[in-house]
C-alpha atoms as a PDB file:
ATOM      1  CA  UNK A   1     -51.239 -58.017 -11.791  1.00  0.00           C
ATOM      2  CA  UNK A   2     -49.652 -55.798 -14.889  1.00  0.00           C
ATOM      3  CA  UNK A   3     -52.450 -52.950 -14.036  1.00  0.00           C
ATOM      4  CA  UNK A   4     -51.029 -52.776 -10.674  1.00  0.00           C
ATOM      5  CA  UNK A   5     -47.804 -52.648 -10.967  1.00  0.00           C
ATOM      6  CA  UNK A   6     -48.831 -49.811 -13.339  1.00  0.00           C
ATOM      7  CA  UNK A   7     -50.429 -47.978 -10.878  1.00  0.00           C
ATOM      8  CA  UNK A   8     -47.711 -48.701  -8.786  1.00  0.00           C
ATOM      9  CA  UNK A   9     -45.670 -46.431 -11.189  1.00  0.00           C
ATOM     10  CA  UNK A  10     -46.621 -44.130 -11.986  1.00  0.00           C
ATOM     11  CA  UNK A  11     -47.582 -43.316  -8.041  1.00  0.00           C
ATOM     12  CA  UNK A  12     -43.689 -43.534  -7.875  1.00  0.00           C
ATOM     13  CA  UNK A  13     -42.516 -41.301 -10.163  1.00  0.00           C
ATOM     14  CA  UNK A  14     -45.186 -39.011  -9.056  1.00  0.00           C
ATOM     15  CA  UNK A  15     -43.252 -38.652  -6.034  1.00  0.00           C
ATOM     16  CA  UNK A  16     -40.262 -39.358  -7.896  1.00  0.00           C
ATOM     17  CA  UNK A  17     -38.673 -42.358  -6.395  1.00  0.00           C
ATOM     18  CA  UNK A  18     -35.679 -43.513  -8.539  1.00  0.00           C
ATOM     19  CA  UNK A  19     -35.773 -45.950 -11.020  1.00  0.00           C
ATOM     20  CA  UNK A  20     -34.239 -48.738  -8.349  1.00  0.00           C
ATOM     21  CA  UNK A  21     -36.618 -47.809  -5.418  1.00  0.00           C
ATOM     22  CA  UNK A  22     -39.956 -47.269  -8.410  1.00  0.00           C
ATOM     23  CA  UNK A  23     -39.000 -51.142  -8.772  1.00  0.00           C
ATOM     24  CA  UNK A  24     -38.862 -52.660  -6.035  1.00  0.00           C
ATOM     25  CA  UNK A  25     -41.893 -51.168  -4.993  1.00  0.00           C
ATOM     26  CA  UNK A  26     -43.871 -52.509  -8.493  1.00  0.00           C
ATOM     27  CA  UNK A  27     -41.948 -56.309  -7.797  1.00  0.00           C
ATOM     28  CA  UNK A  28     -43.348 -56.691  -4.544  1.00  0.00           C
ATOM     29  CA  UNK A  29     -46.913 -55.316  -5.439  1.00  0.00           C
ATOM     30  CA  UNK A  30     -46.442 -58.231  -8.360  1.00  0.00           C
ATOM     31  CA  UNK A  31     -45.508 -60.978  -5.901  1.00  0.00           C
ATOM     32  CA  UNK A  32     -48.171 -59.649  -3.258  1.00  0.00           C
ATOM     33  CA  UNK A  33     -50.874 -59.218  -6.173  1.00  0.00           C
ATOM     34  CA  UNK A  34     -50.058 -62.680  -7.939  1.00  0.00           C
ATOM     35  CA  UNK A  35     -50.622 -64.795  -4.069  1.00  0.00           C
ATOM     36  CA  UNK A  36     -54.101 -62.802  -4.114  1.00  0.00           C
ATOM     37  CA  UNK A  37     -55.242 -64.116  -6.723  1.00  0.00           C
ATOM     38  CA  UNK A  38     -53.804 -67.458  -7.101  1.00  0.00           C
ATOM     39  CA  UNK A  39     -54.618 -67.469  -2.908  1.00  0.00           C
ATOM     40  CA  UNK A  40     -58.014 -65.982  -2.592  1.00  0.00           C
ATOM     41  CA  UNK A  41     -59.287 -65.543  -5.989  1.00  0.00           C
ATOM     42  CA  UNK A  42     -58.701 -61.562  -6.134  1.00  0.00           C
ATOM     43  CA  UNK A  43     -58.887 -58.687  -4.307  1.00  0.00           C
ATOM     44  CA  UNK A  44     -58.472 -55.137  -3.766  1.00  0.00           C
ATOM     45  CA  UNK A  45     -55.873 -53.193  -4.188  1.00  0.00           C
ATOM     46  CA  UNK A  46     -55.654 -50.086  -1.936  1.00  0.00           C
ATOM     47  CA  UNK A  47     -52.613 -47.201  -2.533  1.00  0.00           C
ATOM     48  CA  UNK A  48     -52.640 -44.265  -0.886  1.00  0.00           C
ATOM     49  CA  UNK A  49     -50.319 -41.279   0.605  1.00  0.00           C
ATOM     50  CA  UNK A  50     -47.768 -41.168   4.028  1.00  0.00           C
ATOM     51  CA  UNK A  51     -45.811 -38.609   4.457  1.00  0.00           C
ATOM     52  CA  UNK A  52     -42.877 -40.805   7.068  1.00  0.00           C
ATOM     53  CA  UNK A  53     -40.673 -38.459   9.357  1.00  0.00           C
ATOM     54  CA  UNK A  54     -41.361 -35.503   6.859  1.00  0.00           C
ATOM     55  CA  UNK A  55     -40.500 -38.283   3.300  1.00  0.00           C
ATOM     56  CA  UNK A  56     -42.675 -38.042   1.159  1.00  0.00           C
ATOM     57  CA  UNK A  57     -44.321 -41.234   0.443  1.00  0.00           C
ATOM     58  CA  UNK A  58     -46.838 -43.890   0.356  1.00  0.00           C
ATOM     59  CA  UNK A  59     -49.240 -46.942   1.259  1.00  0.00           C
ATOM     60  CA  UNK A  60     -50.016 -49.898  -0.438  1.00  0.00           C
ATOM     61  CA  UNK A  61     -52.607 -52.490   0.546  1.00  0.00           C
ATOM     62  CA  UNK A  62     -54.186 -55.581  -0.880  1.00  0.00           C
ATOM     63  CA  UNK A  63     -57.526 -57.115   0.431  1.00  0.00           C
ATOM     64  CA  UNK A  64     -59.085 -60.358  -0.335  1.00  0.00           C
ATOM     65  CA  UNK A  65     -61.595 -62.469   1.706  1.00  0.00           C
ATOM     66  CA  UNK A  66     -59.541 -65.514   1.044  1.00  0.00           C
ATOM     67  CA  UNK A  67     -59.456 -68.129   3.999  1.00  0.00           C
ATOM     68  CA  UNK A  68     -56.247 -65.916   5.312  1.00  0.00           C
ATOM     69  CA  UNK A  69     -52.575 -67.859   6.191  1.00  0.00           C
ATOM     70  CA  UNK A  70     -53.374 -70.058   9.318  1.00  0.00           C
ATOM     71  CA  UNK A  71     -49.669 -68.899  10.050  1.00  0.00           C
ATOM     72  CA  UNK A  72     -48.779 -66.028   9.140  1.00  0.00           C
ATOM     73  CA  UNK A  73     -44.741 -66.148  10.841  1.00  0.00           C
ATOM     74  CA  UNK A  74     -44.069 -69.308   8.795  1.00  0.00           C
ATOM     75  CA  UNK A  75     -45.522 -68.241   5.302  1.00  0.00           C
ATOM     76  CA  UNK A  76     -42.605 -65.436   5.968  1.00  0.00           C
ATOM     77  CA  UNK A  77     -40.254 -67.683   5.759  1.00  0.00           C
ATOM     78  CA  UNK A  78     -37.634 -68.051   3.292  1.00  0.00           C
ATOM     79  CA  UNK A  79     -38.161 -71.485   1.694  1.00  0.00           C
ATOM     80  CA  UNK A  80     -42.093 -71.315   3.254  1.00  0.00           C
ATOM     81  CA  UNK A  81     -43.797 -72.340   0.462  1.00  0.00           C
ATOM     82  CA  UNK A  82     -48.189 -73.784   0.558  1.00  0.00           C
ATOM     83  CA  UNK A  83     -47.500 -73.784  -3.099  1.00  0.00           C
ATOM     84  CA  UNK A  84     -45.113 -75.716  -4.378  1.00  0.00           C
ATOM     85  CA  UNK A  85     -42.364 -72.738  -5.852  1.00  0.00           C
ATOM     86  CA  UNK A  86     -39.323 -71.126  -4.154  1.00  0.00           C
ATOM     87  CA  UNK A  87     -40.925 -69.976  -1.093  1.00  0.00           C
ATOM     88  CA  UNK A  88     -39.173 -66.499  -1.813  1.00  0.00           C
ATOM     89  CA  UNK A  89     -42.545 -64.334  -2.331  1.00  0.00           C
ATOM     90  CA  UNK A  90     -43.837 -63.190   0.743  1.00  0.00           C
ATOM     91  CA  UNK A  91     -40.548 -62.715   2.234  1.00  0.00           C
ATOM     92  CA  UNK A  92     -38.909 -61.323  -0.800  1.00  0.00           C
ATOM     93  CA  UNK A  93     -41.622 -58.743  -0.587  1.00  0.00           C
ATOM     94  CA  UNK A  94     -41.552 -57.509   2.434  1.00  0.00           C
ATOM     95  CA  UNK A  95     -37.955 -56.507   1.843  1.00  0.00           C
ATOM     96  CA  UNK A  96     -38.342 -54.544  -0.448  1.00  0.00           C
ATOM     97  CA  UNK A  97     -39.692 -51.840   1.112  1.00  0.00           C
ATOM     98  CA  UNK A  98     -39.707 -50.199   4.987  1.00  0.00           C
ATOM     99  CA  UNK A  99     -43.215 -51.232   6.263  1.00  0.00           C
ATOM    100  CA  UNK A 100     -44.458 -54.448   6.302  1.00  0.00           C
ATOM    101  CA  UNK A 101     -47.361 -56.362   7.881  1.00  0.00           C
ATOM    102  CA  UNK A 102     -49.086 -58.897   7.226  1.00  0.00           C
ATOM    103  CA  UNK A 103     -53.271 -59.112   8.830  1.00  0.00           C
ATOM    104  CA  UNK A 104     -54.798 -62.660   8.677  1.00  0.00           C
ATOM    105  CA  UNK A 105     -57.503 -64.475   9.755  1.00  0.00           C
ATOM    106  CA  UNK A 106     -58.346 -67.960   9.039  1.00  0.00           C
ATOM    107  CA  UNK A 107     -61.768 -67.485   6.681  1.00  0.00           C
ATOM    108  CA  UNK A 108     -61.718 -63.782   7.006  1.00  0.00           C
ATOM    109  CA  UNK A 109     -58.887 -62.651   4.628  1.00  0.00           C
ATOM    110  CA  UNK A 110     -55.999 -61.194   4.888  1.00  0.00           C
ATOM    111  CA  UNK A 111     -54.905 -57.380   4.045  1.00  0.00           C
ATOM    112  CA  UNK A 112     -51.092 -57.066   3.924  1.00  0.00           C
ATOM    113  CA  UNK A 113     -50.029 -53.476   3.750  1.00  0.00           C
ATOM    114  CA  UNK A 114     -46.715 -51.805   2.720  1.00  0.00           C
ATOM    115  CA  UNK A 115     -45.175 -48.862   2.978  1.00  0.00           C
ATOM    116  CA  UNK A 116     -42.018 -46.900   0.738  1.00  0.00           C
ATOM    117  CA  UNK A 117     -40.749 -43.599   1.358  1.00  0.00           C
ATOM    118  CA  UNK A 118     -38.023 -40.811   0.703  1.00  0.00           C
END
């Protein structure tokens, strides 16, 4: 997870994101990467450049081949947890992004996409 944070920090610095913007991205990716390890046994993170209405940014995709999320809508609700935590992870990560998407199929894994732009 720390490797994911370092990589995102480097991307954000290259695109001249502020310290606050960089911290938001690092916090969100850390939470989603942690979930990927805990619930799916690991996965792969992809990062690419993007432009949104001329504003520079980057896209993070975290992909796993785990059991999937049975109810994505439920998993996004504040306080929902299958692991006994506070239930702030998925919803908290979504609130730190400009755009956040979850694609999940039972038994076929999950892809979470987080977009950041200036």
